[in-house]
Amino acid sequence: MLSAECGITTALAAYLKQKRKDAKLSRRALAEKSLIPEPTIRRFENTGHISLKNFLLLWMILDDIARFMELTKPKAIKPKTIAEVLAYDK
């Protein structure tokens, strides 16, 4: 496993764990609300390991899925030259 990947997954797990706590939800309450087994939530919070489907379910409950969807939109390319600016306007 890439060390960067491990850092990303643990950071996402820590973020959603904090969101759960901010919402004053126990793991059990989140499990009931998300239909994700409590041990799966515990494992995710402790290791960062979870399926994409379950991760997205947790994100939808604990945060705004639109924020996550923004990551899928292509970035606007900023022109670097006058020629690029003029070509963009056409």
Protein backbone atom coordinates (compact mmCIF):
# COMPACT_ATOMS: atom_id res chain seq x y z
CA MET A 1 0.00 0.00 0.00
CA LEU A 2 1.27 3.47 -0.81
CA SER A 3 2.09 5.55 2.24
CA ALA A 4 0.28 8.55 0.73
CA GLU A 5 -2.85 6.44 0.26
CA CYS A 6 -2.71 5.41 3.92
CA GLY A 7 -2.47 9.04 4.98
CA ILE A 8 -5.43 10.03 2.84
CA THR A 9 -7.69 7.25 4.09
CA THR A 10 -6.84 7.88 7.73
CA ALA A 11 -7.39 11.62 7.24
CA LEU A 12 -10.82 10.97 5.68
CA ALA A 13 -11.67 8.57 8.51
CA ALA A 14 -10.63 11.13 11.13
CA TYR A 15 -12.65 13.83 9.37
CA LEU A 16 -15.85 11.75 9.28
CA LYS A 17 -15.31 10.56 12.86
CA GLN A 18 -15.14 14.19 13.97
CA LYS A 19 -18.26 15.00 11.93
CA ARG A 20 -20.03 12.09 13.68
CA LYS A 21 -19.01 13.41 17.07
CA ASP A 22 -20.02 16.97 16.14
CA ALA A 23 -23.45 15.59 15.20
CA LYS A 24 -23.55 13.87 18.62
CA LEU A 25 -24.06 10.47 16.99
CA SER A 26 -22.75 7.29 18.54
CA ARG A 27 -21.38 4.63 16.21
CA ARG A 28 -24.51 2.62 16.94
CA ALA A 29 -26.80 5.53 16.00
CA LEU A 30 -24.82 6.14 12.81
CA ALA A 31 -25.02 2.44 11.99
CA GLU A 32 -28.80 2.50 12.38
CA LYS A 33 -29.11 5.64 10.28
CA SER A 34 -26.76 4.47 7.50
CA LEU A 35 -27.55 0.73 7.58
CA ILE A 36 -23.79 0.12 7.79
CA PRO A 37 -22.81 -2.36 10.51
CA GLU A 38 -21.29 -0.76 13.60
CA PRO A 39 -18.11 -2.90 13.38
CA THR A 40 -17.57 -1.60 9.83
CA ILE A 41 -17.81 1.99 11.07
CA ARG A 42 -15.44 1.20 13.95
CA ARG A 43 -12.92 -0.42 11.57
CA PHE A 44 -13.13 2.58 9.22
CA GLU A 45 -12.58 5.07 12.02
CA ASN A 46 -9.61 3.08 13.34
CA THR A 47 -7.93 2.01 10.09
CA GLY A 48 -9.39 4.01 7.21
CA HIS A 49 -10.51 0.79 5.49
CA ILE A 50 -14.03 0.86 4.01
CA SER A 51 -15.76 0.20 0.72
CA LEU A 52 -16.43 3.15 -1.55
CA LYS A 53 -20.18 2.55 -1.29
CA ASN A 54 -20.12 2.66 2.52
CA PHE A 55 -17.79 5.66 2.53
CA LEU A 56 -20.21 7.59 0.32
CA LEU A 57 -23.16 6.60 2.52
CA LEU A 58 -21.35 7.93 5.58
CA TRP A 59 -20.37 11.11 3.75
CA MET A 60 -23.99 11.70 2.66
CA ILE A 61 -25.15 11.46 6.27
CA LEU A 62 -22.34 13.42 7.90
CA ASP A 63 -21.50 16.03 5.28
CA ASP A 64 -22.79 17.57 2.07
CA ILE A 65 -22.34 15.16 -0.85
CA ALA A 66 -22.27 18.14 -3.22
CA ARG A 67 -18.91 19.12 -1.70
CA PHE A 68 -17.58 15.69 -2.52
CA MET A 69 -19.04 15.81 -6.04
CA GLU A 70 -17.10 19.02 -6.70
CA LEU A 71 -13.99 16.85 -6.86
CA THR A 72 -15.32 15.19 -10.02
CA LYS A 73 -15.74 18.40 -11.98
CA PRO A 74 -12.99 19.33 -14.41
CA LYS A 75 -10.82 22.22 -13.35
CA ALA A 76 -11.06 25.37 -15.38
CA ILE A 77 -7.87 25.91 -17.32
CA LYS A 78 -6.51 29.38 -16.78
CA PRO A 79 -4.99 30.92 -19.90
CA LYS A 80 -1.29 31.70 -19.64
CA THR A 81 -0.87 33.88 -22.71
CA ILE A 82 -2.82 36.57 -24.55
CA ALA A 83 -3.21 34.17 -27.47
CA GLU A 84 -4.89 31.63 -25.17
CA VAL A 85 -7.24 34.31 -23.82
CA LEU A 86 -8.22 35.34 -27.35
CA ALA A 87 -8.66 31.72 -28.43
CA TYR A 88 -10.87 31.03 -25.39
CA ASP A 89 -13.29 33.82 -26.26
CA LYS A 90 -14.03 32.34 -29.71
